[in-house]
N, C-alpha and C. Protein backbone atom coordinates (compact mmCIF):
# COMPACT_ATOMS: atom_id res chain seq x y z
N UNK A 1 8.04 10.42 27.34
CA UNK A 1 6.43 10.46 27.65
C UNK A 1 5.86 8.96 27.09
N UNK A 2 5.13 8.47 27.17
CA UNK A 2 4.83 6.93 27.03
C UNK A 2 2.80 7.33 26.61
N UNK A 3 2.49 6.75 25.74
CA UNK A 3 0.98 7.16 25.74
C UNK A 3 0.37 5.55 24.83
N UNK A 4 -0.52 5.09 25.30
CA UNK A 4 -1.19 3.87 25.08
C UNK A 4 -2.84 4.25 25.11
N UNK A 5 -3.60 3.44 23.99
CA UNK A 5 -4.69 3.74 23.73
C UNK A 5 -5.50 2.31 23.53
N UNK A 6 -6.47 2.33 24.24
CA UNK A 6 -7.51 1.02 24.24
C UNK A 6 -8.28 1.18 22.80
N UNK A 7 -8.32 0.16 22.16
CA UNK A 7 -9.04 0.26 20.82
C UNK A 7 -10.74 0.55 20.86
N UNK A 8 -11.25 1.03 19.89
CA UNK A 8 -12.44 1.31 20.12
C UNK A 8 -13.45 0.08 20.64
N UNK A 9 -14.37 0.45 21.65
CA UNK A 9 -15.20 -0.70 22.07
C UNK A 9 -16.11 -0.08 22.88
N UNK A 10 -17.60 -0.57 22.96
CA UNK A 10 -18.43 0.09 23.40
C UNK A 10 -18.68 1.72 23.26
N UNK A 11 -18.61 2.19 22.03
CA UNK A 11 -18.98 3.64 21.73
C UNK A 11 -17.48 4.69 22.30
N UNK A 12 -16.55 3.80 22.89
CA UNK A 12 -15.45 4.71 23.49
C UNK A 12 -14.01 4.47 23.21
N UNK A 13 -13.06 4.99 23.40
CA UNK A 13 -11.63 4.64 23.46
C UNK A 13 -11.18 5.52 24.45
N UNK A 14 -10.31 4.44 24.90
CA UNK A 14 -9.65 5.12 26.49
C UNK A 14 -7.81 5.27 26.05
N UNK A 15 -7.58 6.34 26.68
CA UNK A 15 -5.99 6.39 26.53
C UNK A 15 -5.46 6.92 27.37
N UNK A 16 -4.23 6.58 27.70
CA UNK A 16 -3.29 7.23 29.03
C UNK A 16 -2.21 7.46 28.35
N UNK A 17 -1.29 8.52 29.54
CA UNK A 17 0.04 9.00 29.24
C UNK A 17 0.44 9.19 30.24
N UNK A 18 1.94 8.87 30.38
CA UNK A 18 2.63 9.32 31.64
C UNK A 18 4.05 10.00 31.35
N UNK A 19 4.55 10.76 32.19
CA UNK A 19 5.90 11.60 31.88
C UNK A 19 6.59 10.80 33.08
N UNK A 20 7.75 10.42 32.90
CA UNK A 20 8.63 9.99 33.86
C UNK A 20 9.96 10.50 33.87
N UNK A 21 10.11 10.77 34.95
CA UNK A 21 11.50 11.77 35.01
C UNK A 21 12.20 11.42 36.47
N UNK A 22 13.45 11.01 36.02
CA UNK A 22 14.26 10.54 37.50
C UNK A 22 13.89 8.92 37.81
N UNK A 23 13.07 8.49 37.24
CA UNK A 23 12.44 7.19 37.69
C UNK A 23 11.01 7.11 38.56
N UNK A 24 10.51 8.46 38.36
CA UNK A 24 9.12 8.90 38.79
C UNK A 24 8.21 9.19 38.04
N UNK A 25 7.10 9.18 38.08
CA UNK A 25 6.08 9.79 37.63
C UNK A 25 5.74 11.32 37.81
N UNK A 26 6.28 12.01 36.76
CA UNK A 26 5.95 13.30 36.96
C UNK A 26 4.64 13.81 36.77
N UNK A 27 3.80 13.23 36.09
CA UNK A 27 2.59 13.87 35.62
C UNK A 27 1.91 12.66 34.38
N UNK A 28 0.60 12.76 34.67
CA UNK A 28 -0.42 11.59 33.94
C UNK A 28 -1.32 12.26 33.51
N UNK A 29 -2.03 11.48 32.19
CA UNK A 29 -3.44 11.88 31.79
C UNK A 29 -4.18 10.79 31.37
N UNK A 30 -5.38 10.96 31.75
CA UNK A 30 -6.42 9.75 30.98
C UNK A 30 -7.50 10.50 30.34
N UNK A 31 -7.34 9.96 29.06
CA UNK A 31 -8.68 10.57 28.18
C UNK A 31 -9.51 9.56 27.60
N UNK A 32 -10.75 10.00 27.44
CA UNK A 32 -11.71 9.35 26.99
C UNK A 32 -12.22 10.13 25.75
N UNK A 33 -12.57 9.38 24.42
CA UNK A 33 -12.97 9.77 23.54
C UNK A 33 -14.44 8.86 23.23
N UNK A 34 -15.55 9.74 22.87
CA UNK A 34 -16.66 9.20 22.62
C UNK A 34 -17.41 10.21 21.64
N UNK A 35 -18.55 9.37 21.42
CA UNK A 35 -19.40 10.61 20.16
C UNK A 35 -20.27 11.14 21.09
N UNK A 36 -20.50 12.55 21.09
CA UNK A 36 -21.61 12.98 21.22
C UNK A 36 -22.25 14.39 20.55
N UNK A 37 -23.53 13.91 20.51
CA UNK A 37 -24.19 14.88 19.54
C UNK A 37 -23.88 14.85 18.07
N UNK A 38 -23.29 13.80 17.48
CA UNK A 38 -22.83 13.40 16.28
C UNK A 38 -21.48 14.16 15.80
N UNK A 39 -20.76 14.49 16.89
CA UNK A 39 -19.54 14.60 17.01
C UNK A 39 -18.51 13.93 18.09
N UNK A 40 -17.19 13.89 17.95
CA UNK A 40 -16.42 13.28 19.29
C UNK A 40 -16.27 14.15 19.79
N UNK A 41 -16.03 13.53 21.25
CA UNK A 41 -15.79 14.47 22.44
C UNK A 41 -14.70 13.62 22.84
N UNK A 42 -13.49 14.75 23.27
CA UNK A 42 -12.24 14.41 23.71
C UNK A 42 -12.36 14.90 25.38
N UNK A 43 -12.28 14.06 26.19
CA UNK A 43 -12.80 14.04 27.67
C UNK A 43 -10.71 14.32 28.16
N UNK A 44 -10.26 15.51 28.66
CA UNK A 44 -9.00 14.90 29.25
C UNK A 44 -9.13 15.01 30.99
N UNK A 45 -8.49 14.25 31.41
CA UNK A 45 -8.25 13.84 33.14
C UNK A 45 -7.09 14.12 33.47
N UNK A 46 -6.31 15.45 33.00
CA UNK A 46 -4.79 15.65 33.63
C UNK A 46 -4.55 15.46 34.91
N UNK A 47 -3.09 15.43 35.66
CA UNK A 47 -3.00 14.89 36.82
C UNK A 47 -2.82 16.51 37.23
N UNK A 48 -3.61 16.70 38.41
CA UNK A 48 -3.33 18.04 39.20
C UNK A 48 -4.19 19.06 38.61
N UNK A 49 -4.96 18.66 37.57
CA UNK A 49 -5.70 19.61 36.77
C UNK A 49 -7.11 19.52 37.00
N UNK A 50 -8.07 20.20 36.65
CA UNK A 50 -9.39 19.84 36.55
C UNK A 50 -9.45 19.28 35.24
N UNK A 51 -10.76 18.53 34.82
CA UNK A 51 -10.97 17.94 33.59
C UNK A 51 -11.38 18.63 32.66
N UNK A 52 -11.05 18.49 31.29
CA UNK A 52 -11.50 19.33 30.27
C UNK A 52 -11.94 18.69 29.09
N UNK A 53 -13.19 19.04 28.37
CA UNK A 53 -13.62 18.43 27.08
C UNK A 53 -13.50 19.28 26.06
N UNK A 54 -13.09 18.57 24.95
CA UNK A 54 -12.98 19.50 23.59
C UNK A 54 -13.80 18.46 22.62
N UNK A 55 -14.33 19.03 21.56
CA UNK A 55 -15.33 18.73 20.82
C UNK A 55 -14.71 18.93 19.30
N UNK A 56 -14.70 17.72 18.22
CA UNK A 56 -14.17 17.48 17.14
C UNK A 56 -14.36 18.73 16.30
N UNK A 57 -13.48 19.59 15.34
CA UNK A 57 -13.93 19.93 14.30
C UNK A 57 -13.37 19.69 13.00
N UNK A 58 -12.50 18.46 13.42
CA UNK A 58 -11.97 18.16 11.95
C UNK A 58 -12.11 16.37 12.03
N UNK A 59 -12.48 15.73 11.26
CA UNK A 59 -12.26 14.65 11.16
C UNK A 59 -11.98 13.92 9.71
N UNK A 60 -10.91 13.02 9.66
CA UNK A 60 -10.67 12.48 8.58
C UNK A 60 -9.79 11.23 8.56
N UNK A 61 -9.75 10.35 7.63
CA UNK A 61 -9.32 9.04 7.73
C UNK A 61 -8.02 9.21 8.45
N UNK A 62 -7.18 10.20 8.48
CA UNK A 62 -5.98 10.75 8.75
C UNK A 62 -5.70 11.41 9.95
N UNK A 63 -6.72 12.14 10.27
CA UNK A 63 -6.43 13.24 11.37
C UNK A 63 -7.63 13.58 12.14
N UNK A 64 -7.67 14.26 13.27
CA UNK A 64 -8.78 14.79 14.18
C UNK A 64 -8.08 15.70 15.05
N UNK A 65 -9.16 17.10 14.82
CA UNK A 65 -8.96 18.02 15.76
C UNK A 65 -10.17 18.28 16.37
N UNK A 66 -9.61 18.62 17.92
CA UNK A 66 -10.53 18.97 18.99
C UNK A 66 -10.20 20.27 19.42
N UNK A 67 -11.60 20.90 19.98
CA UNK A 67 -11.21 22.17 20.02
C UNK A 67 -12.33 22.89 21.06
N UNK A 68 -11.65 23.54 22.21
CA UNK A 68 -12.29 24.28 23.38
C UNK A 68 -11.77 25.47 23.58
N UNK A 69 -12.70 26.39 22.78
CA UNK A 69 -12.00 28.08 23.07
C UNK A 69 -11.94 28.55 24.17
N UNK A 70 -12.76 28.11 25.34
CA UNK A 70 -12.90 28.52 26.60
C UNK A 70 -11.87 27.64 27.45
N UNK A 71 -11.23 27.08 27.08
CA UNK A 71 -9.91 26.05 28.09
C UNK A 71 -8.92 27.27 27.94
N UNK A 72 -8.12 27.42 29.06
CA UNK A 72 -7.33 27.95 29.38
C UNK A 72 -5.87 27.61 28.22
N UNK A 73 -5.34 26.49 28.51
CA UNK A 73 -4.59 26.22 27.49
C UNK A 73 -4.30 24.55 27.78
N UNK A 74 -4.54 23.73 26.61
CA UNK A 74 -4.78 24.23 25.25
C UNK A 74 -6.13 24.49 24.95
N UNK A 75 -5.99 25.22 23.85
CA UNK A 75 -7.61 25.40 23.04
C UNK A 75 -7.69 24.40 22.19
N UNK A 76 -6.70 23.61 21.41
CA UNK A 76 -7.04 22.67 20.40
C UNK A 76 -6.05 21.84 21.08
N UNK A 77 -6.24 20.11 20.25
CA UNK A 77 -5.80 19.08 20.23
C UNK A 77 -5.84 18.20 19.35
N UNK A 78 -4.77 17.90 18.55
CA UNK A 78 -4.55 17.28 17.30
C UNK A 78 -3.79 16.07 17.22
N UNK A 79 -4.46 15.07 16.24
CA UNK A 79 -3.48 14.02 15.87
C UNK A 79 -3.74 13.86 14.48
N UNK A 80 -2.52 13.21 14.07
CA UNK A 80 -2.23 12.84 12.65
C UNK A 80 -1.55 11.85 12.39
N UNK A 81 -2.28 10.81 11.48
CA UNK A 81 -1.49 9.29 11.60
C UNK A 81 -0.33 9.84 10.22
N UNK A 82 0.65 9.52 10.46
CA UNK A 82 2.04 9.31 9.76
C UNK A 82 2.55 8.50 9.27
N UNK A 83 1.71 7.46 8.43
CA UNK A 83 2.34 6.30 7.95
C UNK A 83 1.73 5.16 8.99
N UNK A 84 2.08 4.00 9.04
CA UNK A 84 1.43 2.72 9.57
C UNK A 84 1.83 2.68 10.80
N UNK A 85 3.13 3.20 11.37
CA UNK A 85 3.40 2.99 12.75
C UNK A 85 3.70 4.15 13.40
N UNK A 86 3.43 5.63 13.09
CA UNK A 86 3.55 6.70 13.19
C UNK A 86 2.47 7.56 13.57
N UNK A 87 2.62 8.55 14.59
CA UNK A 87 1.21 9.64 14.94
C UNK A 87 1.98 10.71 15.34
N UNK A 88 1.43 11.95 15.07
CA UNK A 88 1.89 13.14 15.11
C UNK A 88 0.73 13.65 15.87
N UNK A 89 0.98 14.30 17.33
CA UNK A 89 0.35 15.02 18.03
C UNK A 89 0.30 16.56 18.46
N UNK A 90 -0.51 17.27 18.54
CA UNK A 90 -0.14 18.19 19.00
C UNK A 90 -1.14 19.15 19.88
N UNK A 91 -0.75 20.00 20.73
CA UNK A 91 -1.37 21.05 21.79
C UNK A 91 -1.22 22.38 21.22
N UNK A 92 -2.16 23.26 21.17
CA UNK A 92 -1.84 24.61 20.81
C UNK A 92 -3.02 25.57 21.31
N UNK A 93 -2.65 26.57 21.24
CA UNK A 93 -3.34 27.73 21.74
C UNK A 93 -2.66 28.91 22.40
N UNK A 94 -3.63 29.68 23.02
CA UNK A 94 -2.87 31.01 23.47
C UNK A 94 -2.75 30.95 25.11
N UNK A 95 -2.01 31.29 25.35
CA UNK A 95 -1.10 31.84 26.65
C UNK A 95 -0.48 33.23 26.87
N UNK A 96 -1.50 33.53 27.90
CA UNK A 96 -1.09 35.27 27.92
C UNK A 96 -0.98 36.05 26.68
N UNK A 97 -1.80 35.75 25.87
CA UNK A 97 -2.03 36.19 24.45
C UNK A 97 -1.03 36.17 23.37
N UNK A 98 -0.36 35.20 23.86
CA UNK A 98 0.61 34.56 22.88
C UNK A 98 0.30 33.15 22.45
N UNK A 99 0.66 33.23 21.17
CA UNK A 99 0.25 31.58 20.45
C UNK A 99 1.39 30.60 20.99
N UNK A 100 1.03 29.50 21.13
CA UNK A 100 1.92 28.44 21.84
C UNK A 100 1.54 27.05 21.14
N UNK A 101 2.41 26.32 20.74
CA UNK A 101 2.16 25.05 20.36
C UNK A 101 3.47 23.78 20.73
N UNK A 102 2.96 22.81 21.16
CA UNK A 102 3.51 21.50 21.64
C UNK A 102 3.44 20.10 20.69
N UNK A 103 4.42 19.86 20.02
CA UNK A 103 4.38 19.11 19.00
C UNK A 103 4.66 17.64 19.94
N UNK A 104 4.14 16.77 19.86
CA UNK A 104 4.52 14.93 20.02
C UNK A 104 4.60 14.22 18.80
N UNK A 105 5.71 13.39 18.88
CA UNK A 105 5.79 12.24 17.54
C UNK A 105 5.71 10.93 18.72
N UNK A 106 5.08 9.83 18.05
CA UNK A 106 4.82 8.83 18.46
C UNK A 106 5.34 7.52 17.61
N UNK A 107 5.86 6.52 17.78
CA UNK A 107 6.00 5.29 17.10
C UNK A 107 5.54 4.26 17.84
N UNK A 108 4.99 3.33 16.74
CA UNK A 108 4.45 1.84 17.46
C UNK A 108 5.59 1.27 18.35
N UNK A 109 5.15 1.08 19.39
CA UNK A 109 5.96 -0.21 19.87
C UNK A 109 5.66 -1.44 20.42
N UNK A 110 6.28 -2.38 20.80
CA UNK A 110 5.92 -3.52 21.40
C UNK A 110 5.83 -3.29 22.90
N UNK A 111 4.61 -3.94 23.49
CA UNK A 111 4.63 -3.75 24.82
C UNK A 111 5.25 -4.91 25.47
N UNK A 112 5.86 -4.12 26.60
CA UNK A 112 6.67 -5.12 27.73
C UNK A 112 5.79 -5.89 28.42
N UNK A 113 6.33 -7.44 28.51
CA UNK A 113 5.68 -8.38 29.57
C UNK A 113 6.12 -7.99 31.08
N UNK A 114 5.23 -7.94 31.97
CA UNK A 114 5.17 -7.92 33.54
C UNK A 114 6.67 -8.71 33.88
């Protein structure tokens, strides 16, 4: 899984991620983070699914959690900085009445030249 974020500019951050399996893109997601009514809004556009909006419930210097209790899965999306060059992310919520959580660990990497 690869994920990249553009630095904040113009009141937004843009992120994109893709999962490659067998040399082909299996899925992708585009994300927009912006301020909305004094909160941060996380707008997800996953491949093959409708868009979803999550609003911040926790914002600190090292972490942010977004929630949308009406969304099927996930209902929460979180990010936590773990040192200067790593980031822990997760999605969690209920699926068919059972709790589910998926964790992602990211390390800063050099961008490859084309």
